[in-house]
Amino acid sequence: IPPTDELAQVLRGLTESLDAFGSSVHEMVVGDANHGRDYSQVPLSMTFDAPFPAAYGVLKQIEAMNRLIRVERLRIEGSAQDSTAPVRVELEVSTFYTTPAPGNGASRSGKEAGGL
């Protein structure tokens, strides 16, 4: 687990996966970090449309990311009669980073405190 949230890297990886498969993104939301004693969890949710094979490819790329990502919820809606029609994917995931020990000069986001 990395020491900082590295959200830019996570979002870039998700966006690249979605773009690579020609997915139509409707929404991507980053939630507030939940801070625990030893680690913090950052929830992310996204909704996108893609043909089922492309949606599956996006999910496989997320699974293969060089980052601990846990799928919290996955919902796929589509037509059972038309396998070529796009499906709507609603995905909620969490990514993690270690929480700095109190008093080590780091803020809750993992960035050093002080200075501008």
PDB file of N, CA and C in Angstrom:
ATOM      1  N   ILE A   1       0.853  -1.171   0.000  1.00  0.00           N
ATOM      2  CA  ILE A   1       0.000   0.000   0.000  1.00  0.00           C
ATOM      3  C   ILE A   1       0.896   1.229   0.000  1.00  0.00           C
ATOM      4  N   PRO A   2       0.688   2.147  -0.933  1.00  0.00           N
ATOM      5  CA  PRO A   2       1.539   3.338  -1.003  1.00  0.00           C
ATOM      6  C   PRO A   2       1.285   4.282   0.176  1.00  0.00           C
ATOM      7  N   PRO A   3       2.251   5.142   0.467  1.00  0.00           N
ATOM      8  CA  PRO A   3       2.099   6.056   1.600  1.00  0.00           C
ATOM      9  C   PRO A   3       1.183   7.250   1.322  1.00  0.00           C
ATOM     10  N   THR A   4       0.874   7.535   0.055  1.00  0.00           N
ATOM     11  CA  THR A   4      -0.023   8.647  -0.286  1.00  0.00           C
ATOM     12  C   THR A   4      -1.154   8.123  -1.164  1.00  0.00           C
ATOM     13  N   ASP A   5      -2.197   8.937  -1.303  1.00  0.00           N
ATOM     14  CA  ASP A   5      -3.368   8.472  -2.051  1.00  0.00           C
ATOM     15  C   ASP A   5      -3.104   8.298  -3.545  1.00  0.00           C
ATOM     16  N   GLU A   6      -2.197   9.067  -4.129  1.00  0.00           N
ATOM     17  CA  GLU A   6      -1.855   8.961  -5.547  1.00  0.00           C
ATOM     18  C   GLU A   6      -3.101   8.909  -6.427  1.00  0.00           C
ATOM     19  N   LEU A   7      -4.094   9.733  -6.096  1.00  0.00           N
ATOM     20  CA  LEU A   7      -5.352   9.707  -6.834  1.00  0.00           C
ATOM     21  C   LEU A   7      -5.185  10.037  -8.307  1.00  0.00           C
ATOM     22  N   ALA A   8      -4.274  10.945  -8.624  1.00  0.00           N
ATOM     23  CA  ALA A   8      -4.057  11.287 -10.036  1.00  0.00           C
ATOM     24  C   ALA A   8      -3.661  10.043 -10.831  1.00  0.00           C
ATOM     25  N   GLN A   9      -2.798   9.224 -10.277  1.00  0.00           N
ATOM     26  CA  GLN A   9      -2.363   7.997 -10.947  1.00  0.00           C
ATOM     27  C   GLN A   9      -3.530   7.019 -11.090  1.00  0.00           C
ATOM     28  N   VAL A  10      -4.322   6.863 -10.054  1.00  0.00           N
ATOM     29  CA  VAL A  10      -5.464   5.952 -10.095  1.00  0.00           C
ATOM     30  C   VAL A  10      -6.479   6.422 -11.138  1.00  0.00           C
ATOM     31  N   LEU A  11      -6.818   7.707 -11.107  1.00  0.00           N
ATOM     32  CA  LEU A  11      -7.787   8.244 -12.063  1.00  0.00           C
ATOM     33  C   LEU A  11      -7.279   8.162 -13.500  1.00  0.00           C
ATOM     34  N   ARG A  12      -5.983   8.405 -13.684  1.00  0.00           N
ATOM     35  CA  ARG A  12      -5.392   8.287 -15.024  1.00  0.00           C
ATOM     36  C   ARG A  12      -5.514   6.839 -15.512  1.00  0.00           C
ATOM     37  N   GLY A  13      -5.223   5.884 -14.661  1.00  0.00           N
ATOM     38  CA  GLY A  13      -5.339   4.475 -15.040  1.00  0.00           C
ATOM     39  C   GLY A  13      -6.763   4.081 -15.395  1.00  0.00           C
ATOM     40  N   LEU A  14      -7.726   4.563 -14.601  1.00  0.00           N
ATOM     41  CA  LEU A  14      -9.127   4.271 -14.895  1.00  0.00           C
ATOM     42  C   LEU A  14      -9.551   4.920 -16.209  1.00  0.00           C
ATOM     43  N   THR A  15      -9.174   6.167 -16.415  1.00  0.00           N
ATOM     44  CA  THR A  15      -9.537   6.888 -17.633  1.00  0.00           C
ATOM     45  C   THR A  15      -8.906   6.227 -18.859  1.00  0.00           C
ATOM     46  N   GLU A  16      -7.648   5.826 -18.753  1.00  0.00           N
ATOM     47  CA  GLU A  16      -6.984   5.152 -19.878  1.00  0.00           C
ATOM     48  C   GLU A  16      -7.678   3.839 -20.215  1.00  0.00           C
ATOM     49  N   SER A  17      -8.098   3.086 -19.193  1.00  0.00           N
ATOM     50  CA  SER A  17      -8.807   1.831 -19.436  1.00  0.00           C
ATOM     51  C   SER A  17     -10.131   2.084 -20.150  1.00  0.00           C
ATOM     52  N   LEU A  18     -10.868   3.075 -19.677  1.00  0.00           N
ATOM     53  CA  LEU A  18     -12.154   3.399 -20.295  1.00  0.00           C
ATOM     54  C   LEU A  18     -11.967   3.876 -21.734  1.00  0.00           C
ATOM     55  N   ASP A  19     -10.970   4.734 -21.969  1.00  0.00           N
ATOM     56  CA  ASP A  19     -10.705   5.249 -23.316  1.00  0.00           C
ATOM     57  C   ASP A  19     -10.242   4.144 -24.261  1.00  0.00           C
ATOM     58  N   ALA A  20      -9.424   3.236 -23.763  1.00  0.00           N
ATOM     59  CA  ALA A  20      -8.878   2.170 -24.601  1.00  0.00           C
ATOM     60  C   ALA A  20      -9.984   1.293 -25.195  1.00  0.00           C
ATOM     61  N   PHE A  21     -11.090   1.182 -24.484  1.00  0.00           N
ATOM     62  CA  PHE A  21     -12.181   0.335 -24.963  1.00  0.00           C
ATOM     63  C   PHE A  21     -13.341   1.142 -25.533  1.00  0.00           C
ATOM     64  N   GLY A  22     -13.143   2.441 -25.704  1.00  0.00           N
ATOM     65  CA  GLY A  22     -14.173   3.272 -26.310  1.00  0.00           C
ATOM     66  C   GLY A  22     -15.432   3.398 -25.480  1.00  0.00           C
ATOM     67  N   SER A  23     -15.279   3.350 -24.183  1.00  0.00           N
ATOM     68  CA  SER A  23     -16.434   3.460 -23.291  1.00  0.00           C
ATOM     69  C   SER A  23     -16.914   4.900 -23.211  1.00  0.00           C
ATOM     70  N   SER A  24     -18.197   5.053 -23.013  1.00  0.00           N
ATOM     71  CA  SER A  24     -18.810   6.369 -22.856  1.00  0.00           C
ATOM     72  C   SER A  24     -19.039   6.602 -21.364  1.00  0.00           C
ATOM     73  N   VAL A  25     -18.226   7.473 -20.776  1.00  0.00           N
ATOM     74  CA  VAL A  25     -18.295   7.713 -19.334  1.00  0.00           C
ATOM     75  C   VAL A  25     -19.378   8.742 -19.036  1.00  0.00           C
ATOM     76  N   HIS A  26     -20.253   8.395 -18.112  1.00  0.00           N
ATOM     77  CA  HIS A  26     -21.321   9.315 -17.698  1.00  0.00           C
ATOM     78  C   HIS A  26     -20.960  10.046 -16.427  1.00  0.00           C
ATOM     79  N   GLU A  27     -20.252   9.367 -15.546  1.00  0.00           N
ATOM     80  CA  GLU A  27     -19.963   9.973 -14.256  1.00  0.00           C
ATOM     81  C   GLU A  27     -18.759   9.284 -13.615  1.00  0.00           C
ATOM     82  N   MET A  28     -17.920  10.101 -12.976  1.00  0.00           N
ATOM     83  CA  MET A  28     -16.824   9.575 -12.168  1.00  0.00           C
ATOM     84  C   MET A  28     -16.730  10.475 -10.945  1.00  0.00           C
ATOM     85  N   VAL A  29     -16.852   9.887  -9.762  1.00  0.00           N
ATOM     86  CA  VAL A  29     -16.896  10.646  -8.518  1.00  0.00           C
ATOM     87  C   VAL A  29     -15.882  10.064  -7.541  1.00  0.00           C
ATOM     88  N   VAL A  30     -15.097  10.967  -6.936  1.00  0.00           N
ATOM     89  CA  VAL A  30     -14.154  10.574  -5.885  1.00  0.00           C
ATOM     90  C   VAL A  30     -14.771  10.980  -4.556  1.00  0.00           C
ATOM     91  N   GLY A  31     -14.932  10.024  -3.662  1.00  0.00           N
ATOM     92  CA  GLY A  31     -15.505  10.307  -2.353  1.00  0.00           C
ATOM     93  C   GLY A  31     -14.449  10.758  -1.361  1.00  0.00           C
ATOM     94  N   ASP A  32     -14.901  11.128  -0.179  1.00  0.00           N
ATOM     95  CA  ASP A  32     -13.995  11.534   0.893  1.00  0.00           C
ATOM     96  C   ASP A  32     -13.277  10.316   1.455  1.00  0.00           C
ATOM     97  N   ALA A  33     -12.010  10.487   1.790  1.00  0.00           N
ATOM     98  CA  ALA A  33     -11.212   9.400   2.361  1.00  0.00           C
ATOM     99  C   ALA A  33     -11.738   9.025   3.738  1.00  0.00           C
ATOM    100  N   ASN A  34     -11.761   7.737   4.005  1.00  0.00           N
ATOM    101  CA  ASN A  34     -12.095   7.210   5.326  1.00  0.00           C
ATOM    102  C   ASN A  34     -10.782   6.809   5.985  1.00  0.00           C
ATOM    103  N   HIS A  35     -10.440   7.472   7.079  1.00  0.00           N
ATOM    104  CA  HIS A  35      -9.147   7.249   7.719  1.00  0.00           C
ATOM    105  C   HIS A  35      -9.270   6.240   8.850  1.00  0.00           C
ATOM    106  N   GLY A  36      -8.494   5.186   8.749  1.00  0.00           N
ATOM    107  CA  GLY A  36      -8.415   4.192   9.806  1.00  0.00           C
ATOM    108  C   GLY A  36      -7.118   4.353  10.570  1.00  0.00           C
ATOM    109  N   ARG A  37      -6.850   3.434  11.463  1.00  0.00           N
ATOM    110  CA  ARG A  37      -5.634   3.511  12.256  1.00  0.00           C
ATOM    111  C   ARG A  37      -4.390   3.259  11.410  1.00  0.00           C
ATOM    112  N   ASP A  38      -4.449   2.274  10.536  1.00  0.00           N
ATOM    113  CA  ASP A  38      -3.267   1.872   9.769  1.00  0.00           C
ATOM    114  C   ASP A  38      -3.322   2.244   8.287  1.00  0.00           C
ATOM    115  N   TYR A  39      -4.497   2.564   7.794  1.00  0.00           N
ATOM    116  CA  TYR A  39      -4.626   2.887   6.375  1.00  0.00           C
ATOM    117  C   TYR A  39      -5.841   3.770   6.156  1.00  0.00           C
ATOM    118  N   SER A  40      -5.882   4.389   4.981  1.00  0.00           N
ATOM    119  CA  SER A  40      -7.039   5.179   4.569  1.00  0.00           C
ATOM    120  C   SER A  40      -7.612   4.564   3.298  1.00  0.00           C
ATOM    121  N   GLN A  41      -8.905   4.705   3.147  1.00  0.00           N
ATOM    122  CA  GLN A  41      -9.633   4.157   2.013  1.00  0.00           C
ATOM    123  C   GLN A  41     -10.296   5.306   1.265  1.00  0.00           C
ATOM    124  N   VAL A  42     -10.105   5.353  -0.053  1.00  0.00           N
ATOM    125  CA  VAL A  42     -10.709   6.394  -0.878  1.00  0.00           C
ATOM    126  C   VAL A  42     -11.722   5.732  -1.816  1.00  0.00           C
ATOM    127  N   PRO A  43     -13.009   6.054  -1.651  1.00  0.00           N
ATOM    128  CA  PRO A  43     -14.019   5.469  -2.535  1.00  0.00           C
ATOM    129  C   PRO A  43     -14.107   6.218  -3.866  1.00  0.00           C
ATOM    130  N   LEU A  44     -14.301   5.473  -4.938  1.00  0.00           N
ATOM    131  CA  LEU A  44     -14.481   6.025  -6.281  1.00  0.00           C
ATOM    132  C   LEU A  44     -15.695   5.339  -6.890  1.00  0.00           C
ATOM    133  N   SER A  45     -16.512   6.098  -7.600  1.00  0.00           N
ATOM    134  CA  SER A  45     -17.625   5.482  -8.309  1.00  0.00           C
ATOM    135  C   SER A  45     -17.646   6.009  -9.734  1.00  0.00           C
ATOM    136  N   MET A  46     -18.105   5.170 -10.632  1.00  0.00           N
ATOM    137  CA  MET A  46     -18.188   5.574 -12.032  1.00  0.00           C
ATOM    138  C   MET A  46     -19.337   4.845 -12.698  1.00  0.00           C
ATOM    139  N   THR A  47     -19.878   5.491 -13.713  1.00  0.00           N
ATOM    140  CA  THR A  47     -20.920   4.912 -14.544  1.00  0.00           C
ATOM    141  C   THR A  47     -20.483   5.102 -15.991  1.00  0.00           C
ATOM    142  N   PHE A  48     -20.531   4.011 -16.767  1.00  0.00           N
ATOM    143  CA  PHE A  48     -20.152   4.110 -18.176  1.00  0.00           C
ATOM    144  C   PHE A  48     -20.949   3.122 -19.003  1.00  0.00           C
ATOM    145  N   ASP A  49     -21.015   3.390 -20.310  1.00  0.00           N
ATOM    146  CA  ASP A  49     -21.670   2.513 -21.279  1.00  0.00           C
ATOM    147  C   ASP A  49     -20.615   1.950 -22.214  1.00  0.00           C
ATOM    148  N   ALA A  50     -20.782   0.688 -22.564  1.00  0.00           N
ATOM    149  CA  ALA A  50     -19.878   0.031 -23.510  1.00  0.00           C
ATOM    150  C   ALA A  50     -20.505  -1.293 -23.928  1.00  0.00           C
ATOM    151  N   PRO A  51     -20.137  -1.799 -25.102  1.00  0.00           N
ATOM    152  CA  PRO A  51     -20.546  -3.171 -25.427  1.00  0.00           C
ATOM    153  C   PRO A  51     -19.974  -4.110 -24.361  1.00  0.00           C
ATOM    154  N   PHE A  52     -20.658  -5.227 -24.102  1.00  0.00           N
ATOM    155  CA  PHE A  52     -20.229  -6.097 -23.016  1.00  0.00           C
ATOM    156  C   PHE A  52     -18.754  -6.504 -23.109  1.00  0.00           C
ATOM    157  N   PRO A  53     -18.232  -6.904 -24.281  1.00  0.00           N
ATOM    158  CA  PRO A  53     -16.810  -7.279 -24.327  1.00  0.00           C
ATOM    159  C   PRO A  53     -15.880  -6.131 -23.904  1.00  0.00           C
ATOM    160  N   ALA A  54     -16.244  -4.903 -24.267  1.00  0.00           N
ATOM    161  CA  ALA A  54     -15.428  -3.748 -23.875  1.00  0.00           C
ATOM    162  C   ALA A  54     -15.547  -3.494 -22.375  1.00  0.00           C
ATOM    163  N   ALA A  55     -16.756  -3.616 -21.831  1.00  0.00           N
ATOM    164  CA  ALA A  55     -16.946  -3.437 -20.387  1.00  0.00           C
ATOM    165  C   ALA A  55     -16.130  -4.474 -19.620  1.00  0.00           C
ATOM    166  N   TYR A  56     -16.130  -5.702 -20.115  1.00  0.00           N
ATOM    167  CA  TYR A  56     -15.332  -6.756 -19.484  1.00  0.00           C
ATOM    168  C   TYR A  56     -13.840  -6.418 -19.563  1.00  0.00           C
ATOM    169  N   GLY A  57     -13.413  -5.879 -20.695  1.00  0.00           N
ATOM    170  CA  GLY A  57     -12.009  -5.488 -20.852  1.00  0.00           C
ATOM    171  C   GLY A  57     -11.614  -4.395 -19.873  1.00  0.00           C
ATOM    172  N   VAL A  58     -12.498  -3.425 -19.662  1.00  0.00           N
ATOM    173  CA  VAL A  58     -12.224  -2.366 -18.687  1.00  0.00           C
ATOM    174  C   VAL A  58     -12.053  -2.975 -17.294  1.00  0.00           C
ATOM    175  N   LEU A  59     -12.958  -3.862 -16.926  1.00  0.00           N
ATOM    176  CA  LEU A  59     -12.884  -4.488 -15.597  1.00  0.00           C
ATOM    177  C   LEU A  59     -11.607  -5.311 -15.438  1.00  0.00           C
ATOM    178  N   LYS A  60     -11.200  -6.012 -16.486  1.00  0.00           N
ATOM    179  CA  LYS A  60      -9.950  -6.792 -16.428  1.00  0.00           C
ATOM    180  C   LYS A  60      -8.744  -5.865 -16.263  1.00  0.00           C
ATOM    181  N   GLN A  61      -8.747  -4.699 -16.948  1.00  0.00           N
ATOM    182  CA  GLN A  61      -7.631  -3.764 -16.807  1.00  0.00           C
ATOM    183  C   GLN A  61      -7.592  -3.150 -15.412  1.00  0.00           C
ATOM    184  N   ILE A  62      -8.749  -2.878 -14.841  1.00  0.00           N
ATOM    185  CA  ILE A  62      -8.781  -2.369 -13.473  1.00  0.00           C
ATOM    186  C   ILE A  62      -8.192  -3.408 -12.525  1.00  0.00           C
ATOM    187  N   GLU A  63      -8.567  -4.650 -12.730  1.00  0.00           N
ATOM    188  CA  GLU A  63      -8.044  -5.738 -11.897  1.00  0.00           C
ATOM    189  C   GLU A  63      -6.525  -5.862 -12.029  1.00  0.00           C
ATOM    190  N   ALA A  64      -5.997  -5.568 -13.210  1.00  0.00           N
ATOM    191  CA  ALA A  64      -4.566  -5.725 -13.467  1.00  0.00           C
ATOM    192  C   ALA A  64      -3.735  -4.502 -13.075  1.00  0.00           C
ATOM    193  N   MET A  65      -4.403  -3.420 -12.608  1.00  0.00           N
ATOM    194  CA  MET A  65      -3.659  -2.208 -12.248  1.00  0.00           C
ATOM    195  C   MET A  65      -2.649  -2.517 -11.145  1.00  0.00           C
ATOM    196  N   ASN A  66      -1.546  -1.802 -11.183  1.00  0.00           N
ATOM    197  CA  ASN A  66      -0.486  -1.973 -10.192  1.00  0.00           C
ATOM    198  C   ASN A  66      -0.842  -1.160  -8.943  1.00  0.00           C
ATOM    199  N   ARG A  67      -1.982  -1.486  -8.373  1.00  0.00           N
ATOM    200  CA  ARG A  67      -2.506  -0.725  -7.253  1.00  0.00           C
ATOM    201  C   ARG A  67      -3.562  -1.584  -6.568  1.00  0.00           C
ATOM    202  N   LEU A  68      -3.618  -1.545  -5.257  1.00  0.00           N
ATOM    203  CA  LEU A  68      -4.648  -2.273  -4.533  1.00  0.00           C
ATOM    204  C   LEU A  68      -5.982  -1.554  -4.727  1.00  0.00           C
ATOM    205  N   ILE A  69      -6.898  -2.199  -5.430  1.00  0.00           N
ATOM    206  CA  ILE A  69      -8.230  -1.660  -5.674  1.00  0.00           C
ATOM    207  C   ILE A  69      -9.229  -2.763  -5.357  1.00  0.00           C
ATOM    208  N   ARG A  70     -10.197  -2.422  -4.496  1.00  0.00           N
ATOM    209  CA  ARG A  70     -11.228  -3.390  -4.126  1.00  0.00           C
ATOM    210  C   ARG A  70     -12.545  -2.961  -4.761  1.00  0.00           C
ATOM    211  N   VAL A  71     -13.191  -3.895  -5.437  1.00  0.00           N
ATOM    212  CA  VAL A  71     -14.511  -3.629  -6.011  1.00  0.00           C
ATOM    213  C   VAL A  71     -15.530  -3.760  -4.881  1.00  0.00           C
ATOM    214  N   GLU A  72     -16.240  -2.665  -4.633  1.00  0.00           N
ATOM    215  CA  GLU A  72     -17.252  -2.640  -3.577  1.00  0.00           C
ATOM    216  C   GLU A  72     -18.629  -3.035  -4.130  1.00  0.00           C
ATOM    217  N   ARG A  73     -18.910  -2.589  -5.354  1.00  0.00           N
ATOM    218  CA  ARG A  73     -20.205  -2.867  -5.972  1.00  0.00           C
ATOM    219  C   ARG A  73     -20.049  -2.817  -7.481  1.00  0.00           C
ATOM    220  N   LEU A  74     -20.711  -3.737  -8.162  1.00  0.00           N
ATOM    221  CA  LEU A  74     -20.704  -3.780  -9.622  1.00  0.00           C
ATOM    222  C   LEU A  74     -22.114  -4.110 -10.078  1.00  0.00           C
ATOM    223  N   ARG A  75     -22.633  -3.260 -10.948  1.00  0.00           N
ATOM    224  CA  ARG A  75     -23.959  -3.496 -11.512  1.00  0.00           C
ATOM    225  C   ARG A  75     -23.846  -3.336 -13.021  1.00  0.00           C
ATOM    226  N   ILE A  76     -24.322  -4.330 -13.758  1.00  0.00           N
ATOM    227  CA  ILE A  76     -24.306  -4.286 -15.218  1.00  0.00           C
ATOM    228  C   ILE A  76     -25.736  -4.483 -15.698  1.00  0.00           C
ATOM    229  N   GLU A  77     -26.217  -3.528 -16.480  1.00  0.00           N
ATOM    230  CA  GLU A  77     -27.569  -3.596 -17.048  1.00  0.00           C
ATOM    231  C   GLU A  77     -27.467  -3.621 -18.558  1.00  0.00           C
ATOM    232  N   GLY A  78     -28.247  -4.479 -19.165  1.00  0.00           N
ATOM    233  CA  GLY A  78     -28.256  -4.540 -20.619  1.00  0.00           C
ATOM    234  C   GLY A  78     -29.384  -5.415 -21.112  1.00  0.00           C
ATOM    235  N   SER A  79     -29.461  -5.541 -22.410  1.00  0.00           N
ATOM    236  CA  SER A  79     -30.508  -6.332 -23.035  1.00  0.00           C
ATOM    237  C   SER A  79     -30.071  -7.793 -23.141  1.00  0.00           C
ATOM    238  N   ALA A  80     -30.914  -8.675 -22.643  1.00  0.00           N
ATOM    239  CA  ALA A  80     -30.628 -10.111 -22.759  1.00  0.00           C
ATOM    240  C   ALA A  80     -30.847 -10.590 -24.194  1.00  0.00           C
ATOM    241  N   GLN A  81     -31.661  -9.849 -24.961  1.00  0.00           N
ATOM    242  CA  GLN A  81     -31.967 -10.248 -26.334  1.00  0.00           C
ATOM    243  C   GLN A  81     -30.930  -9.748 -27.332  1.00  0.00           C
ATOM    244  N   ASP A  82     -30.240  -8.640 -27.033  1.00  0.00           N
ATOM    245  CA  ASP A  82     -29.296  -8.049 -27.983  1.00  0.00           C
ATOM    246  C   ASP A  82     -27.915  -7.973 -27.344  1.00  0.00           C
ATOM    247  N   SER A  83     -27.081  -8.965 -27.628  1.00  0.00           N
ATOM    248  CA  SER A  83     -25.752  -9.027 -27.017  1.00  0.00           C
ATOM    249  C   SER A  83     -24.786  -7.993 -27.584  1.00  0.00           C
ATOM    250  N   THR A  84     -25.153  -7.331 -28.676  1.00  0.00           N
ATOM    251  CA  THR A  84     -24.273  -6.298 -29.251  1.00  0.00           C
ATOM    252  C   THR A  84     -24.601  -4.905 -28.726  1.00  0.00           C
ATOM    253  N   ALA A  85     -25.737  -4.757 -28.056  1.00  0.00           N
ATOM    254  CA  ALA A  85     -26.131  -3.450 -27.522  1.00  0.00           C
ATOM    255  C   ALA A  85     -25.229  -3.083 -26.342  1.00  0.00           C
ATOM    256  N   PRO A  86     -24.959  -1.799 -26.171  1.00  0.00           N
ATOM    257  CA  PRO A  86     -24.144  -1.381 -25.025  1.00  0.00           C
ATOM    258  C   PRO A  86     -24.818  -1.739 -23.699  1.00  0.00           C
ATOM    259  N   VAL A  87     -23.990  -2.003 -22.711  1.00  0.00           N
ATOM    260  CA  VAL A  87     -24.472  -2.225 -21.352  1.00  0.00           C
ATOM    261  C   VAL A  87     -24.115  -1.000 -20.525  1.00  0.00           C
ATOM    262  N   ARG A  88     -24.870  -0.765 -19.492  1.00  0.00           N
ATOM    263  CA  ARG A  88     -24.578   0.314 -18.545  1.00  0.00           C
ATOM    264  C   ARG A  88     -23.885  -0.346 -17.346  1.00  0.00           C
ATOM    265  N   VAL A  89     -22.710   0.175 -16.998  1.00  0.00           N
ATOM    266  CA  VAL A  89     -21.937  -0.364 -15.886  1.00  0.00           C
ATOM    267  C   VAL A  89     -21.859   0.683 -14.784  1.00  0.00           C
ATOM    268  N   GLU A  90     -22.264   0.303 -13.592  1.00  0.00           N
ATOM    269  CA  GLU A  90     -22.112   1.136 -12.404  1.00  0.00           C
ATOM    270  C   GLU A  90     -21.109   0.422 -11.512  1.00  0.00           C
ATOM    271  N   LEU A  91     -20.014   1.108 -11.221  1.00  0.00           N
ATOM    272  CA  LEU A  91     -18.911   0.482 -10.505  1.00  0.00           C
ATOM    273  C   LEU A  91     -18.492   1.352  -9.329  1.00  0.00           C
ATOM    274  N   GLU A  92     -18.392   0.743  -8.173  1.00  0.00           N
ATOM    275  CA  GLU A  92     -17.867   1.418  -6.993  1.00  0.00           C
ATOM    276  C   GLU A  92     -16.646   0.636  -6.531  1.00  0.00           C
ATOM    277  N   VAL A  93     -15.529   1.352  -6.404  1.00  0.00           N
ATOM    278  CA  VAL A  93     -14.286   0.731  -5.976  1.00  0.00           C
ATOM    279  C   VAL A  93     -13.671   1.554  -4.848  1.00  0.00           C
ATOM    280  N   SER A  94     -12.708   0.966  -4.183  1.00  0.00           N
ATOM    281  CA  SER A  94     -11.933   1.686  -3.177  1.00  0.00           C
ATOM    282  C   SER A  94     -10.467   1.464  -3.454  1.00  0.00           C
ATOM    283  N   THR A  95      -9.680   2.493  -3.234  1.00  0.00           N
ATOM    284  CA  THR A  95      -8.224   2.380  -3.291  1.00  0.00           C
ATOM    285  C   THR A  95      -7.700   2.773  -1.913  1.00  0.00           C
ATOM    286  N   PHE A  96      -6.503   2.386  -1.609  1.00  0.00           N
ATOM    287  CA  PHE A  96      -5.990   2.518  -0.249  1.00  0.00           C
ATOM    288  C   PHE A  96      -4.618   3.163  -0.216  1.00  0.00           C
ATOM    289  N   TYR A  97      -4.302   3.783   0.902  1.00  0.00           N
ATOM    290  CA  TYR A  97      -2.952   4.266   1.185  1.00  0.00           C
ATOM    291  C   TYR A  97      -2.737   4.219   2.684  1.00  0.00           C
ATOM    292  N   THR A  98      -1.474   4.158   3.078  1.00  0.00           N
ATOM    293  CA  THR A  98      -1.183   4.076   4.501  1.00  0.00           C
ATOM    294  C   THR A  98      -1.445   5.423   5.151  1.00  0.00           C
ATOM    295  N   THR A  99      -1.895   5.385   6.367  1.00  0.00           N
ATOM    296  CA  THR A  99      -2.169   6.603   7.115  1.00  0.00           C
ATOM    297  C   THR A  99      -0.933   6.973   7.912  1.00  0.00           C
ATOM    298  N   PRO A 100      -0.433   8.197   7.761  1.00  0.00           N
ATOM    299  CA  PRO A 100       0.743   8.600   8.527  1.00  0.00           C
ATOM    300  C   PRO A 100       0.452   8.584  10.029  1.00  0.00           C
ATOM    301  N   ALA A 101       1.463   8.239  10.790  1.00  0.00           N
ATOM    302  CA  ALA A 101       1.328   8.266  12.243  1.00  0.00           C
ATOM    303  C   ALA A 101       1.176   9.704  12.705  1.00  0.00           C
ATOM    304  N   PRO A 102       0.352   9.961  13.729  1.00  0.00           N
ATOM    305  CA  PRO A 102       0.196  11.332  14.228  1.00  0.00           C
ATOM    306  C   PRO A 102       1.538  11.910  14.674  1.00  0.00           C
ATOM    307  N   GLY A 103       1.731  13.192  14.356  1.00  0.00           N
ATOM    308  CA  GLY A 103       2.941  13.878  14.808  1.00  0.00           C
ATOM    309  C   GLY A 103       4.160  13.678  13.933  1.00  0.00           C
ATOM    310  N   ASN A 104       4.012  13.059  12.742  1.00  0.00           N
ATOM    311  CA  ASN A 104       5.191  12.861  11.895  1.00  0.00           C
ATOM    312  C   ASN A 104       5.340  13.953  10.849  1.00  0.00           C
ATOM    313  N   GLY A 105       4.527  15.042  10.971  1.00  0.00           N
ATOM    314  CA  GLY A 105       4.647  16.156  10.031  1.00  0.00           C
ATOM    315  C   GLY A 105       3.853  15.972   8.775  1.00  0.00           C
ATOM    316  N   ALA A 106       2.979  14.980   8.727  1.00  0.00           N
ATOM    317  CA  ALA A 106       2.175  14.765   7.531  1.00  0.00           C
ATOM    318  C   ALA A 106       0.721  15.081   7.838  1.00  0.00           C
ATOM    319  N   SER A 107       0.019  15.523   6.834  1.00  0.00           N
ATOM    320  CA  SER A 107      -1.394  15.806   6.981  1.00  0.00           C
ATOM    321  C   SER A 107      -2.187  14.548   6.749  1.00  0.00           C
ATOM    322  N   ARG A 108      -3.495  14.652   6.877  1.00  0.00           N
ATOM    323  CA  ARG A 108      -4.369  13.495   6.680  1.00  0.00           C
ATOM    324  C   ARG A 108      -4.334  12.976   5.266  1.00  0.00           C
ATOM    325  N   SER A 109      -3.983  13.818   4.302  1.00  0.00           N
ATOM    326  CA  SER A 109      -3.936  13.360   2.910  1.00  0.00           C
ATOM    327  C   SER A 109      -2.605  12.699   2.576  1.00  0.00           C
ATOM    328  N   GLY A 110      -1.677  12.697   3.524  1.00  0.00           N
ATOM    329  CA  GLY A 110      -0.392  12.063   3.267  1.00  0.00           C
ATOM    330  C   GLY A 110       0.644  13.023   2.753  1.00  0.00           C
ATOM    331  N   LYS A 111       0.284  14.298   2.548  1.00  0.00           N
ATOM    332  CA  LYS A 111       1.252  15.287   2.076  1.00  0.00           C
ATOM    333  C   LYS A 111       1.828  16.013   3.274  1.00  0.00           C
ATOM    334  N   GLU A 112       3.066  16.443   3.145  1.00  0.00           N
ATOM    335  CA  GLU A 112       3.698  17.111   4.265  1.00  0.00           C
ATOM    336  C   GLU A 112       2.988  18.405   4.610  1.00  0.00           C
ATOM    337  N   ALA A 113       2.872  18.640   5.906  1.00  0.00           N
ATOM    338  CA  ALA A 113       2.232  19.860   6.364  1.00  0.00           C
ATOM    339  C   ALA A 113       3.261  20.999   6.369  1.00  0.00           C
ATOM    340  N   GLY A 114       2.732  22.210   6.341  1.00  0.00           N
ATOM    341  CA  GLY A 114       3.605  23.378   6.375  1.00  0.00           C
ATOM    342  C   GLY A 114       4.050  23.790   4.998  1.00  0.00           C
ATOM    343  N   GLY A 115       4.578  24.995   4.889  1.00  0.00           N
ATOM    344  CA  GLY A 115       5.076  25.494   3.603  1.00  0.00           C
ATOM    345  C   GLY A 115       3.948  25.752   2.631  1.00  0.00           C
ATOM    346  N   LEU A 116       4.220  26.569   1.662  1.00  0.00           N
ATOM    347  CA  LEU A 116       3.220  26.840   0.635  1.00  0.00           C
ATOM    348  C   LEU A 116       3.652  26.333  -0.691  1.00  0.00           C
TER     349      LEU A 116
END
